[in-house]
Amino acid sequence: MIISPCPACGGKRLKPKVLSVKIADRSIIDVTDMSIKQCIIFFKTLILSKKQEEIAWQILKEIKTRLNFLDRVGLNYLTLSRSAGTISGGEAQRIRLATQIGSNLMDDVYIFVESCIGLHQHDNK
């Protein structure tokens, strides 16, 4: 049996009303389908009006911070729309590491043992 995508949303799992909201001519699906690297560039070069900047500055700050953490731990090739079930053990470990580093906890010590096998070589240092 072949299941075709919902005609209303085109298989994007969001209502047409939600998909119609755009920023810089891109919907949320367009942005989440970009790689982390592409998202960083998109948000870095995003041009907003003064009023839009006032409204969005805090959320944009959070988005940029989280994207930069994912980039710094070597996951800039992932897309935000990727299902968690498709992420490898090493990728999941780097995401957990990025989350811990991003929480700005003080006086934490990270000890890497064999479980860091999945990390990229520059992250092992």
PDB file of N, CA and C in Angstrom:
ATOM      1  N   MET A   1       0.833  -1.165   0.000  1.00  0.00           N
ATOM      2  CA  MET A   1       0.000   0.000   0.000  1.00  0.00           C
ATOM      3  C   MET A   1       0.888   1.242   0.000  1.00  0.00           C
ATOM      4  N   ILE A   2       0.604   2.174  -0.866  1.00  0.00           N
ATOM      5  CA  ILE A   2       1.356   3.429  -0.956  1.00  0.00           C
ATOM      6  C   ILE A   2       0.563   4.516  -0.254  1.00  0.00           C
ATOM      7  N   ILE A   3       1.222   5.184   0.675  1.00  0.00           N
ATOM      8  CA  ILE A   3       0.578   6.281   1.398  1.00  0.00           C
ATOM      9  C   ILE A   3       1.107   7.579   0.816  1.00  0.00           C
ATOM     10  N   SER A   4       0.209   8.365   0.274  1.00  0.00           N
ATOM     11  CA  SER A   4       0.644   9.640  -0.304  1.00  0.00           C
ATOM     12  C   SER A   4       0.601  10.724   0.761  1.00  0.00           C
ATOM     13  N   PRO A   5       1.435  11.758   0.580  1.00  0.00           N
ATOM     14  CA  PRO A   5       1.457  12.830   1.571  1.00  0.00           C
ATOM     15  C   PRO A   5       0.123  13.562   1.626  1.00  0.00           C
ATOM     16  N   CYS A   6      -0.139  14.137   2.758  1.00  0.00           N
ATOM     17  CA  CYS A   6      -1.357  14.929   2.950  1.00  0.00           C
ATOM     18  C   CYS A   6      -1.368  16.063   1.928  1.00  0.00           C
ATOM     19  N   PRO A   7      -2.455  16.183   1.152  1.00  0.00           N
ATOM     20  CA  PRO A   7      -2.485  17.242   0.134  1.00  0.00           C
ATOM     21  C   PRO A   7      -2.428  18.642   0.724  1.00  0.00           C
ATOM     22  N   ALA A   8      -2.934  18.810   1.946  1.00  0.00           N
ATOM     23  CA  ALA A   8      -2.957  20.145   2.552  1.00  0.00           C
ATOM     24  C   ALA A   8      -1.558  20.634   2.922  1.00  0.00           C
ATOM     25  N   CYS A   9      -0.702  19.721   3.407  1.00  0.00           N
ATOM     26  CA  CYS A   9       0.617  20.159   3.871  1.00  0.00           C
ATOM     27  C   CYS A   9       1.745  19.646   2.995  1.00  0.00           C
ATOM     28  N   GLY A  10       1.447  18.796   2.009  1.00  0.00           N
ATOM     29  CA  GLY A  10       2.481  18.278   1.121  1.00  0.00           C
ATOM     30  C   GLY A  10       3.463  17.363   1.828  1.00  0.00           C
ATOM     31  N   GLY A  11       3.038  16.734   2.923  1.00  0.00           N
ATOM     32  CA  GLY A  11       3.915  15.820   3.652  1.00  0.00           C
ATOM     33  C   GLY A  11       4.848  16.502   4.624  1.00  0.00           C
ATOM     34  N   LYS A  12       4.659  17.778   4.856  1.00  0.00           N
ATOM     35  CA  LYS A  12       5.570  18.529   5.736  1.00  0.00           C
ATOM     36  C   LYS A  12       5.109  18.552   7.179  1.00  0.00           C
ATOM     37  N   ARG A  13       4.006  17.916   7.489  1.00  0.00           N
ATOM     38  CA  ARG A  13       3.480  17.730   8.836  1.00  0.00           C
ATOM     39  C   ARG A  13       3.158  19.030   9.566  1.00  0.00           C
ATOM     40  N   LEU A  14       2.967  20.092   8.841  1.00  0.00           N
ATOM     41  CA  LEU A  14       2.539  21.357   9.431  1.00  0.00           C
ATOM     42  C   LEU A  14       1.349  21.880   8.637  1.00  0.00           C
ATOM     43  N   LYS A  15       0.484  22.604   9.310  1.00  0.00           N
ATOM     44  CA  LYS A  15      -0.689  23.165   8.648  1.00  0.00           C
ATOM     45  C   LYS A  15      -0.259  24.222   7.636  1.00  0.00           C
ATOM     46  N   PRO A  16      -1.022  24.333   6.544  1.00  0.00           N
ATOM     47  CA  PRO A  16      -0.703  25.356   5.533  1.00  0.00           C
ATOM     48  C   PRO A  16      -0.582  26.760   6.124  1.00  0.00           C
ATOM     49  N   LYS A  17      -1.378  27.053   7.143  1.00  0.00           N
ATOM     50  CA  LYS A  17      -1.323  28.376   7.781  1.00  0.00           C
ATOM     51  C   LYS A  17       0.055  28.607   8.408  1.00  0.00           C
ATOM     52  N   VAL A  18       0.595  27.573   9.020  1.00  0.00           N
ATOM     53  CA  VAL A  18       1.928  27.678   9.634  1.00  0.00           C
ATOM     54  C   VAL A  18       2.992  27.813   8.551  1.00  0.00           C
ATOM     55  N   LEU A  19       2.856  27.030   7.486  1.00  0.00           N
ATOM     56  CA  LEU A  19       3.828  27.078   6.395  1.00  0.00           C
ATOM     57  C   LEU A  19       3.799  28.405   5.646  1.00  0.00           C
ATOM     58  N   SER A  20       2.701  29.135   5.773  1.00  0.00           N
ATOM     59  CA  SER A  20       2.602  30.419   5.062  1.00  0.00           C
ATOM     60  C   SER A  20       3.379  31.529   5.766  1.00  0.00           C
ATOM     61  N   VAL A  21       3.751  31.320   7.031  1.00  0.00           N
ATOM     62  CA  VAL A  21       4.558  32.314   7.754  1.00  0.00           C
ATOM     63  C   VAL A  21       5.991  32.189   7.265  1.00  0.00           C
ATOM     64  N   LYS A  22       6.551  33.297   6.803  1.00  0.00           N
ATOM     65  CA  LYS A  22       7.889  33.264   6.224  1.00  0.00           C
ATOM     66  C   LYS A  22       8.744  34.384   6.779  1.00  0.00           C
ATOM     67  N   ILE A  23      10.028  34.105   6.807  1.00  0.00           N
ATOM     68  CA  ILE A  23      11.019  35.110   7.144  1.00  0.00           C
ATOM     69  C   ILE A  23      12.075  35.040   6.044  1.00  0.00           C
ATOM     70  N   ALA A  24      12.344  36.163   5.432  1.00  0.00           N
ATOM     71  CA  ALA A  24      13.274  36.218   4.289  1.00  0.00           C
ATOM     72  C   ALA A  24      12.870  35.181   3.226  1.00  0.00           C
ATOM     73  N   ASP A  25      11.582  35.112   2.947  1.00  0.00           N
ATOM     74  CA  ASP A  25      11.009  34.207   1.934  1.00  0.00           C
ATOM     75  C   ASP A  25      11.204  32.730   2.240  1.00  0.00           C
ATOM     76  N   ARG A  26      11.446  32.375   3.502  1.00  0.00           N
ATOM     77  CA  ARG A  26      11.624  30.968   3.879  1.00  0.00           C
ATOM     78  C   ARG A  26      10.669  30.601   5.002  1.00  0.00           C
ATOM     79  N   SER A  27      10.055  29.422   4.848  1.00  0.00           N
ATOM     80  CA  SER A  27       9.178  28.902   5.903  1.00  0.00           C
ATOM     81  C   SER A  27      10.028  28.170   6.940  1.00  0.00           C
ATOM     82  N   ILE A  28       9.412  27.750   8.017  1.00  0.00           N
ATOM     83  CA  ILE A  28      10.128  27.002   9.047  1.00  0.00           C
ATOM     84  C   ILE A  28      10.691  25.706   8.476  1.00  0.00           C
ATOM     85  N   ILE A  29       9.970  25.082   7.544  1.00  0.00           N
ATOM     86  CA  ILE A  29      10.459  23.846   6.921  1.00  0.00           C
ATOM     87  C   ILE A  29      11.703  24.136   6.089  1.00  0.00           C
ATOM     88  N   ASP A  30      11.689  25.242   5.346  1.00  0.00           N
ATOM     89  CA  ASP A  30      12.854  25.611   4.537  1.00  0.00           C
ATOM     90  C   ASP A  30      14.092  25.788   5.417  1.00  0.00           C
ATOM     91  N   VAL A  31      13.907  26.411   6.573  1.00  0.00           N
ATOM     92  CA  VAL A  31      15.038  26.662   7.470  1.00  0.00           C
ATOM     93  C   VAL A  31      15.516  25.369   8.118  1.00  0.00           C
ATOM     94  N   THR A  32      14.591  24.543   8.595  1.00  0.00           N
ATOM     95  CA  THR A  32      15.011  23.309   9.261  1.00  0.00           C
ATOM     96  C   THR A  32      15.592  22.287   8.295  1.00  0.00           C
ATOM     97  N   ASP A  33      15.323  22.430   7.012  1.00  0.00           N
ATOM     98  CA  ASP A  33      15.925  21.540   6.021  1.00  0.00           C
ATOM     99  C   ASP A  33      17.346  21.954   5.636  1.00  0.00           C
ATOM    100  N   MET A  34      17.774  23.126   6.105  1.00  0.00           N
ATOM    101  CA  MET A  34      19.155  23.571   5.860  1.00  0.00           C
ATOM    102  C   MET A  34      20.089  22.835   6.815  1.00  0.00           C
ATOM    103  N   SER A  35      21.354  22.737   6.434  1.00  0.00           N
ATOM    104  CA  SER A  35      22.350  22.204   7.364  1.00  0.00           C
ATOM    105  C   SER A  35      22.603  23.256   8.443  1.00  0.00           C
ATOM    106  N   ILE A  36      23.201  22.828   9.534  1.00  0.00           N
ATOM    107  CA  ILE A  36      23.551  23.763  10.615  1.00  0.00           C
ATOM    108  C   ILE A  36      24.411  24.893  10.044  1.00  0.00           C
ATOM    109  N   LYS A  37      25.364  24.532   9.194  1.00  0.00           N
ATOM    110  CA  LYS A  37      26.251  25.531   8.584  1.00  0.00           C
ATOM    111  C   LYS A  37      25.452  26.548   7.768  1.00  0.00           C
ATOM    112  N   GLN A  38      24.498  26.061   6.975  1.00  0.00           N
ATOM    113  CA  GLN A  38      23.661  26.956   6.177  1.00  0.00           C
ATOM    114  C   GLN A  38      22.782  27.828   7.066  1.00  0.00           C
ATOM    115  N   CYS A  39      22.270  27.255   8.165  1.00  0.00           N
ATOM    116  CA  CYS A  39      21.438  28.024   9.107  1.00  0.00           C
ATOM    117  C   CYS A  39      22.236  29.158   9.738  1.00  0.00           C
ATOM    118  N   ILE A  40      23.479  28.872  10.094  1.00  0.00           N
ATOM    119  CA  ILE A  40      24.327  29.912  10.691  1.00  0.00           C
ATOM    120  C   ILE A  40      24.472  31.078   9.724  1.00  0.00           C
ATOM    121  N   ILE A  41      24.748  30.772   8.483  1.00  0.00           N
ATOM    122  CA  ILE A  41      24.881  31.819   7.458  1.00  0.00           C
ATOM    123  C   ILE A  41      23.558  32.558   7.271  1.00  0.00           C
ATOM    124  N   PHE A  42      22.455  31.801   7.221  1.00  0.00           N
ATOM    125  CA  PHE A  42      21.129  32.408   7.038  1.00  0.00           C
ATOM    126  C   PHE A  42      20.844  33.423   8.145  1.00  0.00           C
ATOM    127  N   PHE A  43      21.024  33.013   9.404  1.00  0.00           N
ATOM    128  CA  PHE A  43      20.713  33.909  10.519  1.00  0.00           C
ATOM    129  C   PHE A  43      21.731  35.042  10.659  1.00  0.00           C
ATOM    130  N   LYS A  44      22.968  34.795  10.262  1.00  0.00           N
ATOM    131  CA  LYS A  44      23.989  35.840  10.320  1.00  0.00           C
ATOM    132  C   LYS A  44      23.713  36.941   9.294  1.00  0.00           C
ATOM    133  N   THR A  45      23.162  36.568   8.146  1.00  0.00           N
ATOM    134  CA  THR A  45      22.922  37.527   7.063  1.00  0.00           C
ATOM    135  C   THR A  45      21.469  37.996   6.994  1.00  0.00           C
ATOM    136  N   LEU A  46      20.652  37.570   7.950  1.00  0.00           N
ATOM    137  CA  LEU A  46      19.239  37.942   7.969  1.00  0.00           C
ATOM    138  C   LEU A  46      19.087  39.439   8.203  1.00  0.00           C
ATOM    139  N   ILE A  47      18.341  40.086   7.339  1.00  0.00           N
ATOM    140  CA  ILE A  47      18.109  41.524   7.467  1.00  0.00           C
ATOM    141  C   ILE A  47      16.669  41.734   7.928  1.00  0.00           C
ATOM    142  N   LEU A  48      16.528  42.400   9.061  1.00  0.00           N
ATOM    143  CA  LEU A  48      15.218  42.661   9.640  1.00  0.00           C
ATOM    144  C   LEU A  48      15.012  44.156   9.802  1.00  0.00           C
ATOM    145  N   SER A  49      13.754  44.556   9.839  1.00  0.00           N
ATOM    146  CA  SER A  49      13.442  45.955  10.129  1.00  0.00           C
ATOM    147  C   SER A  49      13.740  46.214  11.606  1.00  0.00           C
ATOM    148  N   LYS A  50      13.781  47.458  11.987  1.00  0.00           N
ATOM    149  CA  LYS A  50      14.051  47.825  13.379  1.00  0.00           C
ATOM    150  C   LYS A  50      13.020  47.189  14.312  1.00  0.00           C
ATOM    151  N   LYS A  51      11.758  47.235  13.926  1.00  0.00           N
ATOM    152  CA  LYS A  51      10.691  46.659  14.750  1.00  0.00           C
ATOM    153  C   LYS A  51      10.840  45.142  14.851  1.00  0.00           C
ATOM    154  N   GLN A  52      11.155  44.481  13.725  1.00  0.00           N
ATOM    155  CA  GLN A  52      11.356  43.028  13.742  1.00  0.00           C
ATOM    156  C   GLN A  52      12.531  42.649  14.641  1.00  0.00           C
ATOM    157  N   GLU A  53      13.609  43.433  14.595  1.00  0.00           N
ATOM    158  CA  GLU A  53      14.770  43.184  15.457  1.00  0.00           C
ATOM    159  C   GLU A  53      14.400  43.291  16.936  1.00  0.00           C
ATOM    160  N   GLU A  54      13.602  44.302  17.275  1.00  0.00           N
ATOM    161  CA  GLU A  54      13.172  44.473  18.660  1.00  0.00           C
ATOM    162  C   GLU A  54      12.363  43.276  19.139  1.00  0.00           C
ATOM    163  N   ILE A  55      11.526  42.743  18.275  1.00  0.00           N
ATOM    164  CA  ILE A  55      10.678  41.609  18.633  1.00  0.00           C
ATOM    165  C   ILE A  55      11.486  40.321  18.717  1.00  0.00           C
ATOM    166  N   ALA A  56      12.416  40.124  17.805  1.00  0.00           N
ATOM    167  CA  ALA A  56      13.070  38.824  17.644  1.00  0.00           C
ATOM    168  C   ALA A  56      14.456  38.708  18.264  1.00  0.00           C
ATOM    169  N   TRP A  57      15.010  39.736  18.825  1.00  0.00           N
ATOM    170  CA  TRP A  57      16.423  39.693  19.228  1.00  0.00           C
ATOM    171  C   TRP A  57      16.733  38.563  20.193  1.00  0.00           C
ATOM    172  N   GLN A  58      15.875  38.324  21.192  1.00  0.00           N
ATOM    173  CA  GLN A  58      16.177  37.294  22.189  1.00  0.00           C
ATOM    174  C   GLN A  58      16.135  35.893  21.577  1.00  0.00           C
ATOM    175  N   ILE A  59      15.119  35.609  20.784  1.00  0.00           N
ATOM    176  CA  ILE A  59      15.020  34.282  20.172  1.00  0.00           C
ATOM    177  C   ILE A  59      16.139  34.075  19.155  1.00  0.00           C
ATOM    178  N   LEU A  60      16.490  35.109  18.406  1.00  0.00           N
ATOM    179  CA  LEU A  60      17.588  34.991  17.441  1.00  0.00           C
ATOM    180  C   LEU A  60      18.919  34.760  18.153  1.00  0.00           C
ATOM    181  N   LYS A  61      19.098  35.401  19.298  1.00  0.00           N
ATOM    182  CA  LYS A  61      20.314  35.192  20.089  1.00  0.00           C
ATOM    183  C   LYS A  61      20.411  33.721  20.511  1.00  0.00           C
ATOM    184  N   GLU A  62      19.308  33.151  20.989  1.00  0.00           N
ATOM    185  CA  GLU A  62      19.280  31.746  21.406  1.00  0.00           C
ATOM    186  C   GLU A  62      19.540  30.811  20.227  1.00  0.00           C
ATOM    187  N   ILE A  63      18.891  31.071  19.116  1.00  0.00           N
ATOM    188  CA  ILE A  63      19.066  30.232  17.923  1.00  0.00           C
ATOM    189  C   ILE A  63      20.525  30.249  17.484  1.00  0.00           C
ATOM    190  N   LYS A  64      21.111  31.429  17.389  1.00  0.00           N
ATOM    191  CA  LYS A  64      22.507  31.555  16.949  1.00  0.00           C
ATOM    192  C   LYS A  64      23.460  30.858  17.912  1.00  0.00           C
ATOM    193  N   THR A  65      23.207  31.005  19.205  1.00  0.00           N
ATOM    194  CA  THR A  65      24.060  30.366  20.209  1.00  0.00           C
ATOM    195  C   THR A  65      24.030  28.857  20.055  1.00  0.00           C
ATOM    196  N   ARG A  66      22.844  28.289  19.928  1.00  0.00           N
ATOM    197  CA  ARG A  66      22.713  26.833  19.817  1.00  0.00           C
ATOM    198  C   ARG A  66      23.286  26.312  18.505  1.00  0.00           C
ATOM    199  N   LEU A  67      23.068  27.038  17.427  1.00  0.00           N
ATOM    200  CA  LEU A  67      23.648  26.628  16.140  1.00  0.00           C
ATOM    201  C   LEU A  67      25.170  26.650  16.213  1.00  0.00           C
ATOM    202  N   ASN A  68      25.726  27.673  16.844  1.00  0.00           N
ATOM    203  CA  ASN A  68      27.185  27.774  16.957  1.00  0.00           C
ATOM    204  C   ASN A  68      27.769  26.645  17.802  1.00  0.00           C
ATOM    205  N   PHE A  69      27.073  26.228  18.856  1.00  0.00           N
ATOM    206  CA  PHE A  69      27.540  25.088  19.645  1.00  0.00           C
ATOM    207  C   PHE A  69      27.572  23.823  18.807  1.00  0.00           C
ATOM    208  N   LEU A  70      26.502  23.595  18.043  1.00  0.00           N
ATOM    209  CA  LEU A  70      26.474  22.401  17.189  1.00  0.00           C
ATOM    210  C   LEU A  70      27.588  22.454  16.152  1.00  0.00           C
ATOM    211  N   ASP A  71      27.876  23.626  15.653  1.00  0.00           N
ATOM    212  CA  ASP A  71      28.966  23.792  14.694  1.00  0.00           C
ATOM    213  C   ASP A  71      30.314  23.505  15.355  1.00  0.00           C
ATOM    214  N   ARG A  72      30.504  24.022  16.561  1.00  0.00           N
ATOM    215  CA  ARG A  72      31.786  23.859  17.257  1.00  0.00           C
ATOM    216  C   ARG A  72      32.097  22.410  17.619  1.00  0.00           C
ATOM    217  N   VAL A  73      31.079  21.574  17.779  1.00  0.00           N
ATOM    218  CA  VAL A  73      31.347  20.168  18.087  1.00  0.00           C
ATOM    219  C   VAL A  73      31.300  19.304  16.835  1.00  0.00           C
ATOM    220  N   GLY A  74      31.360  19.944  15.662  1.00  0.00           N
ATOM    221  CA  GLY A  74      31.514  19.202  14.420  1.00  0.00           C
ATOM    222  C   GLY A  74      30.245  18.634  13.822  1.00  0.00           C
ATOM    223  N   LEU A  75      29.100  19.211  14.140  1.00  0.00           N
ATOM    224  CA  LEU A  75      27.835  18.693  13.606  1.00  0.00           C
ATOM    225  C   LEU A  75      27.195  19.652  12.601  1.00  0.00           C
ATOM    226  N   ASN A  76      28.009  20.471  11.954  1.00  0.00           N
ATOM    227  CA  ASN A  76      27.459  21.488  11.057  1.00  0.00           C
ATOM    228  C   ASN A  76      26.838  20.930   9.776  1.00  0.00           C
ATOM    229  N   TYR A  77      26.986  19.652   9.539  1.00  0.00           N
ATOM    230  CA  TYR A  77      26.398  19.026   8.353  1.00  0.00           C
ATOM    231  C   TYR A  77      24.985  18.510   8.603  1.00  0.00           C
ATOM    232  N   LEU A  78      24.565  18.411   9.878  1.00  0.00           N
ATOM    233  CA  LEU A  78      23.224  17.921  10.203  1.00  0.00           C
ATOM    234  C   LEU A  78      22.174  18.963   9.860  1.00  0.00           C
ATOM    235  N   THR A  79      20.955  18.499   9.627  1.00  0.00           N
ATOM    236  CA  THR A  79      19.823  19.407   9.467  1.00  0.00           C
ATOM    237  C   THR A  79      18.959  19.319  10.716  1.00  0.00           C
ATOM    238  N   LEU A  80      18.251  20.389  11.013  1.00  0.00           N
ATOM    239  CA  LEU A  80      17.386  20.404  12.194  1.00  0.00           C
ATOM    240  C   LEU A  80      16.142  19.547  11.984  1.00  0.00           C
ATOM    241  N   SER A  81      15.826  19.231  10.739  1.00  0.00           N
ATOM    242  CA  SER A  81      14.641  18.418  10.462  1.00  0.00           C
ATOM    243  C   SER A  81      14.936  16.923  10.540  1.00  0.00           C
ATOM    244  N   ARG A  82      16.174  16.578  10.771  1.00  0.00           N
ATOM    245  CA  ARG A  82      16.554  15.168  10.817  1.00  0.00           C
ATOM    246  C   ARG A  82      15.962  14.488  12.054  1.00  0.00           C
ATOM    247  N   SER A  83      15.405  13.326  11.855  1.00  0.00           N
ATOM    248  CA  SER A  83      14.806  12.563  12.946  1.00  0.00           C
ATOM    249  C   SER A  83      15.897  12.098  13.911  1.00  0.00           C
ATOM    250  N   ALA A  84      15.614  12.188  15.205  1.00  0.00           N
ATOM    251  CA  ALA A  84      16.589  11.791  16.217  1.00  0.00           C
ATOM    252  C   ALA A  84      16.996  10.328  16.062  1.00  0.00           C
ATOM    253  N   GLY A  85      16.096   9.502  15.565  1.00  0.00           N
ATOM    254  CA  GLY A  85      16.392   8.084  15.393  1.00  0.00           C
ATOM    255  C   GLY A  85      17.424   7.788  14.325  1.00  0.00           C
ATOM    256  N   THR A  86      17.733   8.761  13.480  1.00  0.00           N
ATOM    257  CA  THR A  86      18.709   8.552  12.404  1.00  0.00           C
ATOM    258  C   THR A  86      20.102   9.055  12.771  1.00  0.00           C
ATOM    259  N   ILE A  87      20.236   9.608  13.963  1.00  0.00           N
ATOM    260  CA  ILE A  87      21.522  10.166  14.391  1.00  0.00           C
ATOM    261  C   ILE A  87      22.383   9.044  14.973  1.00  0.00           C
ATOM    262  N   SER A  88      23.652   9.022  14.593  1.00  0.00           N
ATOM    263  CA  SER A  88      24.567   7.985  15.081  1.00  0.00           C
ATOM    264  C   SER A  88      24.898   8.207  16.552  1.00  0.00           C
ATOM    265  N   GLY A  89      25.503   7.200  17.169  1.00  0.00           N
ATOM    266  CA  GLY A  89      25.902   7.306  18.566  1.00  0.00           C
ATOM    267  C   GLY A  89      26.876   8.438  18.806  1.00  0.00           C
ATOM    268  N   GLY A  90      27.845   8.589  17.902  1.00  0.00           N
ATOM    269  CA  GLY A  90      28.826   9.667  18.026  1.00  0.00           C
ATOM    270  C   GLY A  90      28.186  11.036  17.879  1.00  0.00           C
ATOM    271  N   GLU A  91      27.234  11.154  16.941  1.00  0.00           N
ATOM    272  CA  GLU A  91      26.532  12.429  16.762  1.00  0.00           C
ATOM    273  C   GLU A  91      25.708  12.759  17.999  1.00  0.00           C
ATOM    274  N   ALA A  92      25.027  11.760  18.547  1.00  0.00           N
ATOM    275  CA  ALA A  92      24.225  11.975  19.762  1.00  0.00           C
ATOM    276  C   ALA A  92      25.123  12.403  20.918  1.00  0.00           C
ATOM    277  N   GLN A  93      26.302  11.799  20.989  1.00  0.00           N
ATOM    278  CA  GLN A  93      27.241  12.138  22.060  1.00  0.00           C
ATOM    279  C   GLN A  93      27.719  13.583  21.913  1.00  0.00           C
ATOM    280  N   ARG A  94      27.986  14.000  20.696  1.00  0.00           N
ATOM    281  CA  ARG A  94      28.415  15.380  20.477  1.00  0.00           C
ATOM    282  C   ARG A  94      27.294  16.362  20.800  1.00  0.00           C
ATOM    283  N   ILE A  95      26.042  15.980  20.505  1.00  0.00           N
ATOM    284  CA  ILE A  95      24.909  16.848  20.845  1.00  0.00           C
ATOM    285  C   ILE A  95      24.796  16.981  22.355  1.00  0.00           C
ATOM    286  N   ARG A  96      24.949  15.873  23.084  1.00  0.00           N
ATOM    287  CA  ARG A  96      24.915  15.932  24.554  1.00  0.00           C
ATOM    288  C   ARG A  96      26.051  16.811  25.075  1.00  0.00           C
ATOM    289  N   LEU A  97      27.230  16.670  24.474  1.00  0.00           N
ATOM    290  CA  LEU A  97      28.373  17.484  24.872  1.00  0.00           C
ATOM    291  C   LEU A  97      28.088  18.964  24.619  1.00  0.00           C
ATOM    292  N   ALA A  98      27.534  19.272  23.455  1.00  0.00           N
ATOM    293  CA  ALA A  98      27.196  20.662  23.134  1.00  0.00           C
ATOM    294  C   ALA A  98      26.175  21.208  24.120  1.00  0.00           C
ATOM    295  N   THR A  99      25.222  20.377  24.520  1.00  0.00           N
ATOM    296  CA  THR A  99      24.211  20.797  25.487  1.00  0.00           C
ATOM    297  C   THR A  99      24.853  21.112  26.830  1.00  0.00           C
ATOM    298  N   GLN A 100      25.759  20.253  27.277  1.00  0.00           N
ATOM    299  CA  GLN A 100      26.439  20.472  28.556  1.00  0.00           C
ATOM    300  C   GLN A 100      27.303  21.727  28.519  1.00  0.00           C
ATOM    301  N   ILE A 101      28.056  21.878  27.448  1.00  0.00           N
ATOM    302  CA  ILE A 101      28.918  23.052  27.316  1.00  0.00           C
ATOM    303  C   ILE A 101      28.064  24.310  27.227  1.00  0.00           C
ATOM    304  N   GLY A 102      26.959  24.204  26.512  1.00  0.00           N
ATOM    305  CA  GLY A 102      26.072  25.351  26.313  1.00  0.00           C
ATOM    306  C   GLY A 102      25.319  25.787  27.550  1.00  0.00           C
ATOM    307  N   SER A 103      25.283  24.942  28.570  1.00  0.00           N
ATOM    308  CA  SER A 103      24.538  25.294  29.774  1.00  0.00           C
ATOM    309  C   SER A 103      25.314  26.260  30.678  1.00  0.00           C
ATOM    310  N   ASN A 104      26.559  26.547  30.323  1.00  0.00           N
ATOM    311  CA  ASN A 104      27.399  27.506  31.059  1.00  0.00           C
ATOM    312  C   ASN A 104      27.547  27.170  32.538  1.00  0.00           C
ATOM    313  N   LEU A 105      27.607  25.891  32.844  1.00  0.00           N
ATOM    314  CA  LEU A 105      27.834  25.493  34.225  1.00  0.00           C
ATOM    315  C   LEU A 105      29.272  25.844  34.620  1.00  0.00           C
ATOM    316  N   MET A 106      29.460  26.153  35.873  1.00  0.00           N
ATOM    317  CA  MET A 106      30.785  26.522  36.359  1.00  0.00           C
ATOM    318  C   MET A 106      31.415  25.330  37.062  1.00  0.00           C
ATOM    319  N   ASP A 107      32.731  25.267  37.030  1.00  0.00           N
ATOM    320  CA  ASP A 107      33.511  24.270  37.763  1.00  0.00           C
ATOM    321  C   ASP A 107      33.208  22.835  37.343  1.00  0.00           C
ATOM    322  N   ASP A 108      32.890  22.613  36.087  1.00  0.00           N
ATOM    323  CA  ASP A 108      32.666  21.254  35.590  1.00  0.00           C
ATOM    324  C   ASP A 108      33.955  20.712  34.990  1.00  0.00           C
ATOM    325  N   VAL A 109      34.156  19.430  35.178  1.00  0.00           N
ATOM    326  CA  VAL A 109      35.303  18.753  34.593  1.00  0.00           C
ATOM    327  C   VAL A 109      34.765  17.654  33.687  1.00  0.00           C
ATOM    328  N   TYR A 110      35.243  17.608  32.464  1.00  0.00           N
ATOM    329  CA  TYR A 110      34.833  16.569  31.522  1.00  0.00           C
ATOM    330  C   TYR A 110      35.970  15.579  31.381  1.00  0.00           C
ATOM    331  N   ILE A 111      35.682  14.324  31.619  1.00  0.00           N
ATOM    332  CA  ILE A 111      36.671  13.270  31.475  1.00  0.00           C
ATOM    333  C   ILE A 111      36.222  12.377  30.333  1.00  0.00           C
ATOM    334  N   PHE A 112      37.042  12.298  29.296  1.00  0.00           N
ATOM    335  CA  PHE A 112      36.713  11.494  28.130  1.00  0.00           C
ATOM    336  C   PHE A 112      37.460  10.170  28.203  1.00  0.00           C
ATOM    337  N   VAL A 113      36.705   9.118  28.095  1.00  0.00           N
ATOM    338  CA  VAL A 113      37.284   7.781  28.093  1.00  0.00           C
ATOM    339  C   VAL A 113      36.898   7.123  26.780  1.00  0.00           C
ATOM    340  N   GLU A 114      36.866   5.818  26.723  1.00  0.00           N
ATOM    341  CA  GLU A 114      36.563   5.118  25.483  1.00  0.00           C
ATOM    342  C   GLU A 114      35.257   5.560  24.837  1.00  0.00           C
ATOM    343  N   SER A 115      34.338   6.051  25.614  1.00  0.00           N
ATOM    344  CA  SER A 115      33.042   6.435  25.059  1.00  0.00           C
ATOM    345  C   SER A 115      33.132   7.624  24.103  1.00  0.00           C
ATOM    346  N   CYS A 116      34.304   8.269  24.024  1.00  0.00           N
ATOM    347  CA  CYS A 116      34.447   9.401  23.112  1.00  0.00           C
ATOM    348  C   CYS A 116      34.905   8.943  21.730  1.00  0.00           C
ATOM    349  N   ILE A 117      34.896   7.641  21.474  1.00  0.00           N
ATOM    350  CA  ILE A 117      35.311   7.101  20.182  1.00  0.00           C
ATOM    351  C   ILE A 117      34.557   7.749  19.033  1.00  0.00           C
ATOM    352  N   GLY A 118      33.264   8.039  19.229  1.00  0.00           N
ATOM    353  CA  GLY A 118      32.453   8.602  18.156  1.00  0.00           C
ATOM    354  C   GLY A 118      32.710  10.065  17.890  1.00  0.00           C
ATOM    355  N   LEU A 119      33.492  10.716  18.737  1.00  0.00           N
ATOM    356  CA  LEU A 119      33.766  12.138  18.547  1.00  0.00           C
ATOM    357  C   LEU A 119      34.773  12.356  17.423  1.00  0.00           C
ATOM    358  N   HIS A 120      34.681  13.503  16.802  1.00  0.00           N
ATOM    359  CA  HIS A 120      35.632  13.889  15.765  1.00  0.00           C
ATOM    360  C   HIS A 120      36.989  14.107  16.426  1.00  0.00           C
ATOM    361  N   GLN A 121      38.083  13.843  15.715  1.00  0.00           N
ATOM    362  CA  GLN A 121      39.421  13.938  16.299  1.00  0.00           C
ATOM    363  C   GLN A 121      39.709  15.295  16.928  1.00  0.00           C
ATOM    364  N   HIS A 122      39.288  16.386  16.281  1.00  0.00           N
ATOM    365  CA  HIS A 122      39.590  17.698  16.878  1.00  0.00           C
ATOM    366  C   HIS A 122      38.792  17.926  18.154  1.00  0.00           C
ATOM    367  N   ASP A 123      37.682  17.207  18.363  1.00  0.00           N
ATOM    368  CA  ASP A 123      36.914  17.328  19.598  1.00  0.00           C
ATOM    369  C   ASP A 123      37.561  16.561  20.739  1.00  0.00           C
ATOM    370  N   ASN A 124      38.323  15.517  20.417  1.00  0.00           N
ATOM    371  CA  ASN A 124      38.966  14.713  21.459  1.00  0.00           C
ATOM    372  C   ASN A 124      40.022  15.508  22.218  1.00  0.00           C
ATOM    373  N   LYS A 125      40.632  16.479  21.567  1.00  0.00           N
ATOM    374  CA  LYS A 125      41.657  17.300  22.230  1.00  0.00           C
ATOM    375  C   LYS A 125      41.045  18.077  23.367  1.00  0.00           C
TER     376      LYS A 125
END
